[in-house]
Amino acid sequence: MISSPLYVYVDVDDTFVRSASSKRIPMPAAIQHVRTLKAQGAVLYCWSSGGSDYARQSAEEFGIAECFEAFLPKPNVLLDDMPMTAWPRFMTIHPGSCSTQTLEDYRRHLT
């Protein structure tokens, strides 16, 4: 049985990079998780409130740009008939708890 792809949107700041003053500090567990999800067949998009260029530059800086299909700004307005909390097959994962998860874990949670 072929599973439909899971689409994963990955934020930049405080997800795979932290900033301390002018220093940018990678978050290795989240970066590895992005690589693992890609290898497991997830379709990944990188997005940021800082915009699509910032998202792309950040992914390039930390060596994971090739994991993403596209780079997007986070939306300011979401026009939808239901709030995100009511979306079927939708979940939010905190980067601090992602290192032990697999794509199959996410699939099981969403079914």
PDB file of N, CA and C in Angstrom:
ATOM      1  N   MET A   1       0.838  -1.183   0.000  1.00  0.00           N
ATOM      2  CA  MET A   1       0.000   0.000   0.000  1.00  0.00           C
ATOM      3  C   MET A   1       0.885   1.249   0.000  1.00  0.00           C
ATOM      4  N   ILE A   2       0.636   2.136  -0.926  1.00  0.00           N
ATOM      5  CA  ILE A   2       1.398   3.374  -1.009  1.00  0.00           C
ATOM      6  C   ILE A   2       0.699   4.434  -0.166  1.00  0.00           C
ATOM      7  N   SER A   3       1.458   5.026   0.735  1.00  0.00           N
ATOM      8  CA  SER A   3       0.911   6.087   1.586  1.00  0.00           C
ATOM      9  C   SER A   3       0.985   7.411   0.855  1.00  0.00           C
ATOM     10  N   SER A   4      -0.015   8.245   1.095  1.00  0.00           N
ATOM     11  CA  SER A   4       0.054   9.589   0.539  1.00  0.00           C
ATOM     12  C   SER A   4       1.153  10.351   1.270  1.00  0.00           C
ATOM     13  N   PRO A   5       1.780  11.299   0.583  1.00  0.00           N
ATOM     14  CA  PRO A   5       2.870  12.025   1.249  1.00  0.00           C
ATOM     15  C   PRO A   5       2.362  12.865   2.416  1.00  0.00           C
ATOM     16  N   LEU A   6       3.233  13.067   3.375  1.00  0.00           N
ATOM     17  CA  LEU A   6       2.941  14.012   4.453  1.00  0.00           C
ATOM     18  C   LEU A   6       3.676  15.302   4.120  1.00  0.00           C
ATOM     19  N   TYR A   7       2.962  16.399   4.215  1.00  0.00           N
ATOM     20  CA  TYR A   7       3.507  17.718   3.942  1.00  0.00           C
ATOM     21  C   TYR A   7       3.878  18.356   5.273  1.00  0.00           C
ATOM     22  N   VAL A   8       5.132  18.747   5.388  1.00  0.00           N
ATOM     23  CA  VAL A   8       5.657  19.289   6.635  1.00  0.00           C
ATOM     24  C   VAL A   8       6.188  20.692   6.369  1.00  0.00           C
ATOM     25  N   TYR A   9       5.695  21.664   7.118  1.00  0.00           N
ATOM     26  CA  TYR A   9       6.176  23.039   7.040  1.00  0.00           C
ATOM     27  C   TYR A   9       7.093  23.272   8.238  1.00  0.00           C
ATOM     28  N   VAL A  10       8.290  23.702   7.962  1.00  0.00           N
ATOM     29  CA  VAL A  10       9.309  23.865   8.997  1.00  0.00           C
ATOM     30  C   VAL A  10       9.639  25.345   9.142  1.00  0.00           C
ATOM     31  N   ASP A  11       9.485  25.845  10.346  1.00  0.00           N
ATOM     32  CA  ASP A  11       9.833  27.228  10.662  1.00  0.00           C
ATOM     33  C   ASP A  11      11.353  27.341  10.795  1.00  0.00           C
ATOM     34  N   VAL A  12      11.858  28.557  10.792  1.00  0.00           N
ATOM     35  CA  VAL A  12      13.293  28.800  10.914  1.00  0.00           C
ATOM     36  C   VAL A  12      13.672  29.131  12.349  1.00  0.00           C
ATOM     37  N   ASP A  13      13.311  30.331  12.813  1.00  0.00           N
ATOM     38  CA  ASP A  13      13.780  30.832  14.104  1.00  0.00           C
ATOM     39  C   ASP A  13      13.195  30.053  15.269  1.00  0.00           C
ATOM     40  N   ASP A  14      14.108  29.629  16.136  1.00  0.00           N
ATOM     41  CA  ASP A  14      13.783  28.834  17.321  1.00  0.00           C
ATOM     42  C   ASP A  14      13.198  27.476  16.965  1.00  0.00           C
ATOM     43  N   THR A  15      13.409  27.071  15.698  1.00  0.00           N
ATOM     44  CA  THR A  15      13.047  25.724  15.276  1.00  0.00           C
ATOM     45  C   THR A  15      14.306  24.983  14.845  1.00  0.00           C
ATOM     46  N   PHE A  16      15.047  25.511  13.844  1.00  0.00           N
ATOM     47  CA  PHE A  16      16.340  24.886  13.544  1.00  0.00           C
ATOM     48  C   PHE A  16      17.521  25.832  13.753  1.00  0.00           C
ATOM     49  N   VAL A  17      17.256  27.070  14.164  1.00  0.00           N
ATOM     50  CA  VAL A  17      18.324  28.000  14.512  1.00  0.00           C
ATOM     51  C   VAL A  17      17.852  28.922  15.639  1.00  0.00           C
ATOM     52  N   ARG A  18      18.757  29.160  16.567  1.00  0.00           N
ATOM     53  CA  ARG A  18      18.501  30.125  17.647  1.00  0.00           C
ATOM     54  C   ARG A  18      19.442  31.297  17.445  1.00  0.00           C
ATOM     55  N   SER A  19      19.009  32.444  17.878  1.00  0.00           N
ATOM     56  CA  SER A  19      19.858  33.632  17.795  1.00  0.00           C
ATOM     57  C   SER A  19      20.178  34.117  19.196  1.00  0.00           C
ATOM     58  N   ALA A  20      21.456  34.419  19.399  1.00  0.00           N
ATOM     59  CA  ALA A  20      21.920  35.004  20.658  1.00  0.00           C
ATOM     60  C   ALA A  20      22.746  36.216  20.264  1.00  0.00           C
ATOM     61  N   SER A  21      22.136  37.376  20.444  1.00  0.00           N
ATOM     62  CA  SER A  21      22.745  38.613  19.988  1.00  0.00           C
ATOM     63  C   SER A  21      22.911  38.513  18.473  1.00  0.00           C
ATOM     64  N   SER A  22      24.110  38.628  17.954  1.00  0.00           N
ATOM     65  CA  SER A  22      24.295  38.530  16.499  1.00  0.00           C
ATOM     66  C   SER A  22      24.721  37.127  16.061  1.00  0.00           C
ATOM     67  N   LYS A  23      24.847  36.213  17.009  1.00  0.00           N
ATOM     68  CA  LYS A  23      25.281  34.852  16.711  1.00  0.00           C
ATOM     69  C   LYS A  23      24.084  33.960  16.418  1.00  0.00           C
ATOM     70  N   ARG A  24      24.192  33.137  15.364  1.00  0.00           N
ATOM     71  CA  ARG A  24      23.143  32.173  15.002  1.00  0.00           C
ATOM     72  C   ARG A  24      23.636  30.787  15.385  1.00  0.00           C
ATOM     73  N   ILE A  25      22.848  30.104  16.184  1.00  0.00           N
ATOM     74  CA  ILE A  25      23.251  28.814  16.748  1.00  0.00           C
ATOM     75  C   ILE A  25      22.349  27.722  16.177  1.00  0.00           C
ATOM     76  N   PRO A  26      22.939  26.743  15.495  1.00  0.00           N
ATOM     77  CA  PRO A  26      22.113  25.672  14.940  1.00  0.00           C
ATOM     78  C   PRO A  26      21.511  24.811  16.044  1.00  0.00           C
ATOM     79  N   MET A  27      20.371  24.243  15.750  1.00  0.00           N
ATOM     80  CA  MET A  27      19.711  23.295  16.649  1.00  0.00           C
ATOM     81  C   MET A  27      19.852  21.913  15.995  1.00  0.00           C
ATOM     82  N   PRO A  28      20.923  21.180  16.360  1.00  0.00           N
ATOM     83  CA  PRO A  28      21.276  19.951  15.654  1.00  0.00           C
ATOM     84  C   PRO A  28      20.157  18.904  15.599  1.00  0.00           C
ATOM     85  N   ALA A  29      19.409  18.741  16.662  1.00  0.00           N
ATOM     86  CA  ALA A  29      18.353  17.719  16.653  1.00  0.00           C
ATOM     87  C   ALA A  29      17.284  18.045  15.621  1.00  0.00           C
ATOM     88  N   ALA A  30      16.914  19.302  15.520  1.00  0.00           N
ATOM     89  CA  ALA A  30      15.892  19.699  14.544  1.00  0.00           C
ATOM     90  C   ALA A  30      16.437  19.604  13.122  1.00  0.00           C
ATOM     91  N   ILE A  31      17.682  19.983  12.920  1.00  0.00           N
ATOM     92  CA  ILE A  31      18.294  19.886  11.599  1.00  0.00           C
ATOM     93  C   ILE A  31      18.364  18.426  11.151  1.00  0.00           C
ATOM     94  N   GLN A  32      18.770  17.556  12.050  1.00  0.00           N
ATOM     95  CA  GLN A  32      18.809  16.128  11.718  1.00  0.00           C
ATOM     96  C   GLN A  32      17.408  15.596  11.461  1.00  0.00           C
ATOM     97  N   HIS A  33      16.431  16.076  12.197  1.00  0.00           N
ATOM     98  CA  HIS A  33      15.050  15.631  11.998  1.00  0.00           C
ATOM     99  C   HIS A  33      14.559  16.020  10.607  1.00  0.00           C
ATOM    100  N   VAL A  34      14.884  17.214  10.156  1.00  0.00           N
ATOM    101  CA  VAL A  34      14.525  17.640   8.803  1.00  0.00           C
ATOM    102  C   VAL A  34      15.138  16.677   7.791  1.00  0.00           C
ATOM    103  N   ARG A  35      16.409  16.359   7.949  1.00  0.00           N
ATOM    104  CA  ARG A  35      17.076  15.430   7.028  1.00  0.00           C
ATOM    105  C   ARG A  35      16.423  14.046   7.062  1.00  0.00           C
ATOM    106  N   THR A  36      16.099  13.586   8.256  1.00  0.00           N
ATOM    107  CA  THR A  36      15.478  12.270   8.404  1.00  0.00           C
ATOM    108  C   THR A  36      14.100  12.237   7.767  1.00  0.00           C
ATOM    109  N   LEU A  37      13.288  13.276   8.015  1.00  0.00           N
ATOM    110  CA  LEU A  37      11.955  13.313   7.408  1.00  0.00           C
ATOM    111  C   LEU A  37      12.047  13.297   5.892  1.00  0.00           C
ATOM    112  N   LYS A  38      12.983  14.052   5.327  1.00  0.00           N
ATOM    113  CA  LYS A  38      13.177  14.066   3.873  1.00  0.00           C
ATOM    114  C   LYS A  38      13.533  12.667   3.382  1.00  0.00           C
ATOM    115  N   ALA A  39      14.466  12.013   4.060  1.00  0.00           N
ATOM    116  CA  ALA A  39      14.890  10.666   3.669  1.00  0.00           C
ATOM    117  C   ALA A  39      13.744   9.659   3.784  1.00  0.00           C
ATOM    118  N   GLN A  40      12.813   9.898   4.708  1.00  0.00           N
ATOM    119  CA  GLN A  40      11.682   9.005   4.904  1.00  0.00           C
ATOM    120  C   GLN A  40      10.521   9.310   3.955  1.00  0.00           C
ATOM    121  N   GLY A  41      10.657  10.345   3.135  1.00  0.00           N
ATOM    122  CA  GLY A  41       9.650  10.621   2.123  1.00  0.00           C
ATOM    123  C   GLY A  41       8.720  11.788   2.374  1.00  0.00           C
ATOM    124  N   ALA A  42       8.967  12.575   3.405  1.00  0.00           N
ATOM    125  CA  ALA A  42       8.132  13.754   3.651  1.00  0.00           C
ATOM    126  C   ALA A  42       8.387  14.807   2.569  1.00  0.00           C
ATOM    127  N   VAL A  43       7.371  15.606   2.312  1.00  0.00           N
ATOM    128  CA  VAL A  43       7.501  16.748   1.410  1.00  0.00           C
ATOM    129  C   VAL A  43       7.599  17.973   2.319  1.00  0.00           C
ATOM    130  N   LEU A  44       8.749  18.620   2.301  1.00  0.00           N
ATOM    131  CA  LEU A  44       9.023  19.688   3.253  1.00  0.00           C
ATOM    132  C   LEU A  44       9.056  21.061   2.599  1.00  0.00           C
ATOM    133  N   TYR A  45       8.506  22.027   3.332  1.00  0.00           N
ATOM    134  CA  TYR A  45       8.544  23.437   2.954  1.00  0.00           C
ATOM    135  C   TYR A  45       9.129  24.197   4.133  1.00  0.00           C
ATOM    136  N   CYS A  46       9.984  25.158   3.845  1.00  0.00           N
ATOM    137  CA  CYS A  46      10.581  25.991   4.879  1.00  0.00           C
ATOM    138  C   CYS A  46       9.903  27.350   4.818  1.00  0.00           C
ATOM    139  N   TRP A  47       9.445  27.828   5.972  1.00  0.00           N
ATOM    140  CA  TRP A  47       8.794  29.133   5.984  1.00  0.00           C
ATOM    141  C   TRP A  47       9.205  29.925   7.204  1.00  0.00           C
ATOM    142  N   SER A  48       9.037  31.232   7.086  1.00  0.00           N
ATOM    143  CA  SER A  48       9.450  32.105   8.174  1.00  0.00           C
ATOM    144  C   SER A  48       8.683  33.417   8.125  1.00  0.00           C
ATOM    145  N   SER A  49       8.482  33.975   9.294  1.00  0.00           N
ATOM    146  CA  SER A  49       7.917  35.328   9.370  1.00  0.00           C
ATOM    147  C   SER A  49       8.859  36.338   8.730  1.00  0.00           C
ATOM    148  N   GLY A  50      10.141  35.973   8.628  1.00  0.00           N
ATOM    149  CA  GLY A  50      11.130  36.842   7.999  1.00  0.00           C
ATOM    150  C   GLY A  50      11.065  36.841   6.482  1.00  0.00           C
ATOM    151  N   GLY A  51      10.229  35.995   5.908  1.00  0.00           N
ATOM    152  CA  GLY A  51      10.046  35.950   4.465  1.00  0.00           C
ATOM    153  C   GLY A  51      10.734  34.770   3.801  1.00  0.00           C
ATOM    154  N   SER A  52      10.444  34.592   2.523  1.00  0.00           N
ATOM    155  CA  SER A  52      10.959  33.445   1.784  1.00  0.00           C
ATOM    156  C   SER A  52      12.469  33.519   1.567  1.00  0.00           C
ATOM    157  N   ASP A  53      12.995  34.703   1.295  1.00  0.00           N
ATOM    158  CA  ASP A  53      14.450  34.828   1.107  1.00  0.00           C
ATOM    159  C   ASP A  53      15.194  34.477   2.383  1.00  0.00           C
ATOM    160  N   TYR A  54      14.674  34.948   3.506  1.00  0.00           N
ATOM    161  CA  TYR A  54      15.291  34.641   4.800  1.00  0.00           C
ATOM    162  C   TYR A  54      15.231  33.133   5.073  1.00  0.00           C
ATOM    163  N   ALA A  55      14.106  32.510   4.759  1.00  0.00           N
ATOM    164  CA  ALA A  55      13.969  31.068   4.966  1.00  0.00           C
ATOM    165  C   ALA A  55      14.995  30.313   4.123  1.00  0.00           C
ATOM    166  N   ARG A  56      15.126  30.691   2.852  1.00  0.00           N
ATOM    167  CA  ARG A  56      16.084  30.028   1.958  1.00  0.00           C
ATOM    168  C   ARG A  56      17.516  30.236   2.454  1.00  0.00           C
ATOM    169  N   GLN A  57      17.872  31.470   2.790  1.00  0.00           N
ATOM    170  CA  GLN A  57      19.234  31.767   3.252  1.00  0.00           C
ATOM    171  C   GLN A  57      19.567  30.996   4.522  1.00  0.00           C
ATOM    172  N   SER A  58      18.602  30.874   5.419  1.00  0.00           N
ATOM    173  CA  SER A  58      18.834  30.151   6.662  1.00  0.00           C
ATOM    174  C   SER A  58      19.039  28.662   6.399  1.00  0.00           C
ATOM    175  N   ALA A  59      18.201  28.093   5.540  1.00  0.00           N
ATOM    176  CA  ALA A  59      18.348  26.678   5.198  1.00  0.00           C
ATOM    177  C   ALA A  59      19.691  26.428   4.511  1.00  0.00           C
ATOM    178  N   GLU A  60      20.100  27.341   3.646  1.00  0.00           N
ATOM    179  CA  GLU A  60      21.406  27.216   2.994  1.00  0.00           C
ATOM    180  C   GLU A  60      22.532  27.312   4.022  1.00  0.00           C
ATOM    181  N   GLU A  61      22.411  28.264   4.939  1.00  0.00           N
ATOM    182  CA  GLU A  61      23.442  28.468   5.964  1.00  0.00           C
ATOM    183  C   GLU A  61      23.687  27.205   6.778  1.00  0.00           C
ATOM    184  N   PHE A  62      22.627  26.432   7.052  1.00  0.00           N
ATOM    185  CA  PHE A  62      22.750  25.248   7.893  1.00  0.00           C
ATOM    186  C   PHE A  62      22.716  23.941   7.098  1.00  0.00           C
ATOM    187  N   GLY A  63      22.891  24.049   5.775  1.00  0.00           N
ATOM    188  CA  GLY A  63      23.094  22.870   4.951  1.00  0.00           C
ATOM    189  C   GLY A  63      21.890  21.976   4.736  1.00  0.00           C
ATOM    190  N   ILE A  64      20.679  22.544   4.801  1.00  0.00           N
ATOM    191  CA  ILE A  64      19.493  21.709   4.606  1.00  0.00           C
ATOM    192  C   ILE A  64      18.576  22.230   3.504  1.00  0.00           C
ATOM    193  N   ALA A  65      19.054  23.157   2.694  1.00  0.00           N
ATOM    194  CA  ALA A  65      18.207  23.749   1.645  1.00  0.00           C
ATOM    195  C   ALA A  65      17.686  22.688   0.682  1.00  0.00           C
ATOM    196  N   GLU A  66      18.505  21.674   0.394  1.00  0.00           N
ATOM    197  CA  GLU A  66      18.092  20.639  -0.548  1.00  0.00           C
ATOM    198  C   GLU A  66      16.945  19.767  -0.023  1.00  0.00           C
ATOM    199  N   CYS A  67      16.652  19.878   1.243  1.00  0.00           N
ATOM    200  CA  CYS A  67      15.550  19.096   1.830  1.00  0.00           C
ATOM    201  C   CYS A  67      14.181  19.680   1.503  1.00  0.00           C
ATOM    202  N   PHE A  68      14.141  20.937   1.074  1.00  0.00           N
ATOM    203  CA  PHE A  68      12.877  21.644   0.923  1.00  0.00           C
ATOM    204  C   PHE A  68      12.450  21.792  -0.534  1.00  0.00           C
ATOM    205  N   GLU A  69      11.146  21.688  -0.744  1.00  0.00           N
ATOM    206  CA  GLU A  69      10.555  21.888  -2.065  1.00  0.00           C
ATOM    207  C   GLU A  69      10.508  23.368  -2.425  1.00  0.00           C
ATOM    208  N   ALA A  70      10.265  24.204  -1.412  1.00  0.00           N
ATOM    209  CA  ALA A  70      10.133  25.646  -1.642  1.00  0.00           C
ATOM    210  C   ALA A  70      10.325  26.377  -0.320  1.00  0.00           C
ATOM    211  N   PHE A  71      10.482  27.687  -0.440  1.00  0.00           N
ATOM    212  CA  PHE A  71      10.684  28.567   0.709  1.00  0.00           C
ATOM    213  C   PHE A  71       9.587  29.621   0.663  1.00  0.00           C
ATOM    214  N   LEU A  72       8.921  29.807   1.785  1.00  0.00           N
ATOM    215  CA  LEU A  72       7.732  30.650   1.823  1.00  0.00           C
ATOM    216  C   LEU A  72       7.761  31.606   3.003  1.00  0.00           C
ATOM    217  N   PRO A  73       7.081  32.735   2.863  1.00  0.00           N
ATOM    218  CA  PRO A  73       6.838  33.559   4.052  1.00  0.00           C
ATOM    219  C   PRO A  73       5.679  32.939   4.825  1.00  0.00           C
ATOM    220  N   LYS A  74       5.661  33.140   6.132  1.00  0.00           N
ATOM    221  CA  LYS A  74       4.468  32.725   6.882  1.00  0.00           C
ATOM    222  C   LYS A  74       3.338  33.677   6.511  1.00  0.00           C
ATOM    223  N   PRO A  75       2.140  33.156   6.437  1.00  0.00           N
ATOM    224  CA  PRO A  75       1.027  34.038   6.056  1.00  0.00           C
ATOM    225  C   PRO A  75       0.685  35.031   7.166  1.00  0.00           C
ATOM    226  N   ASN A  76       0.157  36.162   6.755  1.00  0.00           N
ATOM    227  CA  ASN A  76      -0.376  37.139   7.704  1.00  0.00           C
ATOM    228  C   ASN A  76      -1.861  36.934   7.896  1.00  0.00           C
ATOM    229  N   VAL A  77      -2.492  36.426   6.864  1.00  0.00           N
ATOM    230  CA  VAL A  77      -3.931  36.174   6.900  1.00  0.00           C
ATOM    231  C   VAL A  77      -4.147  34.789   6.308  1.00  0.00           C
ATOM    232  N   LEU A  78      -4.980  34.016   6.957  1.00  0.00           N
ATOM    233  CA  LEU A  78      -5.327  32.693   6.466  1.00  0.00           C
ATOM    234  C   LEU A  78      -6.814  32.691   6.160  1.00  0.00           C
ATOM    235  N   LEU A  79      -7.145  32.591   4.893  1.00  0.00           N
ATOM    236  CA  LEU A  79      -8.536  32.588   4.468  1.00  0.00           C
ATOM    237  C   LEU A  79      -8.959  31.131   4.300  1.00  0.00           C
ATOM    238  N   ASP A  80      -9.746  30.654   5.227  1.00  0.00           N
ATOM    239  CA  ASP A  80     -10.147  29.256   5.238  1.00  0.00           C
ATOM    240  C   ASP A  80     -11.495  29.159   5.936  1.00  0.00           C
ATOM    241  N   ASP A  81     -12.245  28.124   5.639  1.00  0.00           N
ATOM    242  CA  ASP A  81     -13.554  27.977   6.256  1.00  0.00           C
ATOM    243  C   ASP A  81     -13.488  27.435   7.681  1.00  0.00           C
ATOM    244  N   MET A  82     -12.300  27.004   8.120  1.00  0.00           N
ATOM    245  CA  MET A  82     -12.169  26.515   9.490  1.00  0.00           C
ATOM    246  C   MET A  82     -10.820  26.913  10.067  1.00  0.00           C
ATOM    247  N   PRO A  83     -10.762  27.054  11.381  1.00  0.00           N
ATOM    248  CA  PRO A  83      -9.484  27.408  12.008  1.00  0.00           C
ATOM    249  C   PRO A  83      -8.497  26.237  11.911  1.00  0.00           C
ATOM    250  N   MET A  84      -7.220  26.555  11.974  1.00  0.00           N
ATOM    251  CA  MET A  84      -6.195  25.515  11.891  1.00  0.00           C
ATOM    252  C   MET A  84      -6.399  24.423  12.936  1.00  0.00           C
ATOM    253  N   THR A  85      -6.867  24.780  14.098  1.00  0.00           N
ATOM    254  CA  THR A  85      -7.069  23.787  15.152  1.00  0.00           C
ATOM    255  C   THR A  85      -8.126  22.757  14.788  1.00  0.00           C
ATOM    256  N   ALA A  86      -8.946  23.046  13.785  1.00  0.00           N
ATOM    257  CA  ALA A  86      -9.983  22.115  13.363  1.00  0.00           C
ATOM    258  C   ALA A  86      -9.614  21.364  12.081  1.00  0.00           C
ATOM    259  N   TRP A  87      -8.434  21.630  11.530  1.00  0.00           N
ATOM    260  CA  TRP A  87      -8.036  20.941  10.305  1.00  0.00           C
ATOM    261  C   TRP A  87      -7.909  19.448  10.564  1.00  0.00           C
ATOM    262  N   PRO A  88      -8.454  18.624   9.671  1.00  0.00           N
ATOM    263  CA  PRO A  88      -8.250  17.183   9.818  1.00  0.00           C
ATOM    264  C   PRO A  88      -6.808  16.823   9.462  1.00  0.00           C
ATOM    265  N   ARG A  89      -6.297  15.798  10.083  1.00  0.00           N
ATOM    266  CA  ARG A  89      -4.934  15.325   9.805  1.00  0.00           C
ATOM    267  C   ARG A  89      -3.916  16.457   9.908  1.00  0.00           C
ATOM    268  N   PHE A  90      -3.939  17.167  11.033  1.00  0.00           N
ATOM    269  CA  PHE A  90      -3.033  18.291  11.257  1.00  0.00           C
ATOM    270  C   PHE A  90      -2.501  18.222  12.679  1.00  0.00           C
ATOM    271  N   MET A  91      -1.208  18.460  12.827  1.00  0.00           N
ATOM    272  CA  MET A  91      -0.606  18.482  14.153  1.00  0.00           C
ATOM    273  C   MET A  91       0.562  19.456  14.157  1.00  0.00           C
ATOM    274  N   THR A  92       0.895  19.946  15.336  1.00  0.00           N
ATOM    275  CA  THR A  92       2.042  20.824  15.524  1.00  0.00           C
ATOM    276  C   THR A  92       3.039  20.098  16.420  1.00  0.00           C
ATOM    277  N   ILE A  93       4.289  20.098  16.016  1.00  0.00           N
ATOM    278  CA  ILE A  93       5.345  19.446  16.786  1.00  0.00           C
ATOM    279  C   ILE A  93       6.334  20.508  17.241  1.00  0.00           C
ATOM    280  N   HIS A  94       6.643  20.527  18.518  1.00  0.00           N
ATOM    281  CA  HIS A  94       7.649  21.454  19.046  1.00  0.00           C
ATOM    282  C   HIS A  94       9.029  20.910  18.706  1.00  0.00           C
ATOM    283  N   PRO A  95       9.964  21.775  18.284  1.00  0.00           N
ATOM    284  CA  PRO A  95      11.283  21.270  17.899  1.00  0.00           C
ATOM    285  C   PRO A  95      12.025  20.557  19.029  1.00  0.00           C
ATOM    286  N   GLY A  96      11.695  20.867  20.267  1.00  0.00           N
ATOM    287  CA  GLY A  96      12.352  20.198  21.382  1.00  0.00           C
ATOM    288  C   GLY A  96      11.950  18.748  21.548  1.00  0.00           C
ATOM    289  N   SER A  97      10.861  18.344  20.901  1.00  0.00           N
ATOM    290  CA  SER A  97      10.403  16.960  21.054  1.00  0.00           C
ATOM    291  C   SER A  97      10.410  16.188  19.740  1.00  0.00           C
ATOM    292  N   CYS A  98      11.063  16.719  18.728  1.00  0.00           N
ATOM    293  CA  CYS A  98      10.997  16.074  17.411  1.00  0.00           C
ATOM    294  C   CYS A  98      12.031  14.979  17.212  1.00  0.00           C
ATOM    295  N   SER A  99      13.121  14.994  17.947  1.00  0.00           N
ATOM    296  CA  SER A  99      14.235  14.092  17.634  1.00  0.00           C
ATOM    297  C   SER A  99      13.890  12.617  17.779  1.00  0.00           C
ATOM    298  N   THR A 100      12.888  12.285  18.545  1.00  0.00           N
ATOM    299  CA  THR A 100      12.523  10.879  18.719  1.00  0.00           C
ATOM    300  C   THR A 100      11.386  10.449  17.805  1.00  0.00           C
ATOM    301  N   GLN A 101      10.900  11.356  16.967  1.00  0.00           N
ATOM    302  CA  GLN A 101       9.750  11.066  16.105  1.00  0.00           C
ATOM    303  C   GLN A 101      10.203  10.660  14.713  1.00  0.00           C
ATOM    304  N   THR A 102       9.383   9.836  14.060  1.00  0.00           N
ATOM    305  CA  THR A 102       9.624   9.466  12.672  1.00  0.00           C
ATOM    306  C   THR A 102       8.409   9.869  11.853  1.00  0.00           C
ATOM    307  N   LEU A 103       8.559   9.791  10.558  1.00  0.00           N
ATOM    308  CA  LEU A 103       7.432  10.079   9.686  1.00  0.00           C
ATOM    309  C   LEU A 103       6.284   9.114   9.960  1.00  0.00           C
ATOM    310  N   GLU A 104       6.606   7.857  10.249  1.00  0.00           N
ATOM    311  CA  GLU A 104       5.562   6.878  10.567  1.00  0.00           C
ATOM    312  C   GLU A 104       4.855   7.218  11.879  1.00  0.00           C
ATOM    313  N   ASP A 105       5.569   7.752  12.850  1.00  0.00           N
ATOM    314  CA  ASP A 105       4.940   8.202  14.102  1.00  0.00           C
ATOM    315  C   ASP A 105       3.891   9.266  13.780  1.00  0.00           C
ATOM    316  N   TYR A 106       4.242  10.201  12.903  1.00  0.00           N
ATOM    317  CA  TYR A 106       3.311  11.251  12.532  1.00  0.00           C
ATOM    318  C   TYR A 106       2.114  10.668  11.795  1.00  0.00           C
ATOM    319  N   ARG A 107       2.366   9.721  10.906  1.00  0.00           N
ATOM    320  CA  ARG A 107       1.254   9.084  10.179  1.00  0.00           C
ATOM    321  C   ARG A 107       0.293   8.397  11.152  1.00  0.00           C
ATOM    322  N   ARG A 108       0.835   7.662  12.099  1.00  0.00           N
ATOM    323  CA  ARG A 108      -0.019   6.972  13.080  1.00  0.00           C
ATOM    324  C   ARG A 108      -0.848   7.958  13.882  1.00  0.00           C
ATOM    325  N   HIS A 109      -0.245   9.062  14.268  1.00  0.00           N
ATOM    326  CA  HIS A 109      -0.951  10.067  15.049  1.00  0.00           C
ATOM    327  C   HIS A 109      -2.094  10.711  14.247  1.00  0.00           C
ATOM    328  N   LEU A 110      -1.890  10.839  12.947  1.00  0.00           N
ATOM    329  CA  LEU A 110      -2.845  11.528  12.096  1.00  0.00           C
ATOM    330  C   LEU A 110      -3.989  10.645  11.600  1.00  0.00           C
ATOM    331  N   THR A 111      -3.878   9.343  11.806  1.00  0.00           N
ATOM    332  CA  THR A 111      -4.961   8.468  11.317  1.00  0.00           C
ATOM    333  C   THR A 111      -6.034   8.276  12.352  1.00  0.00           C
TER     334      THR A 111
END
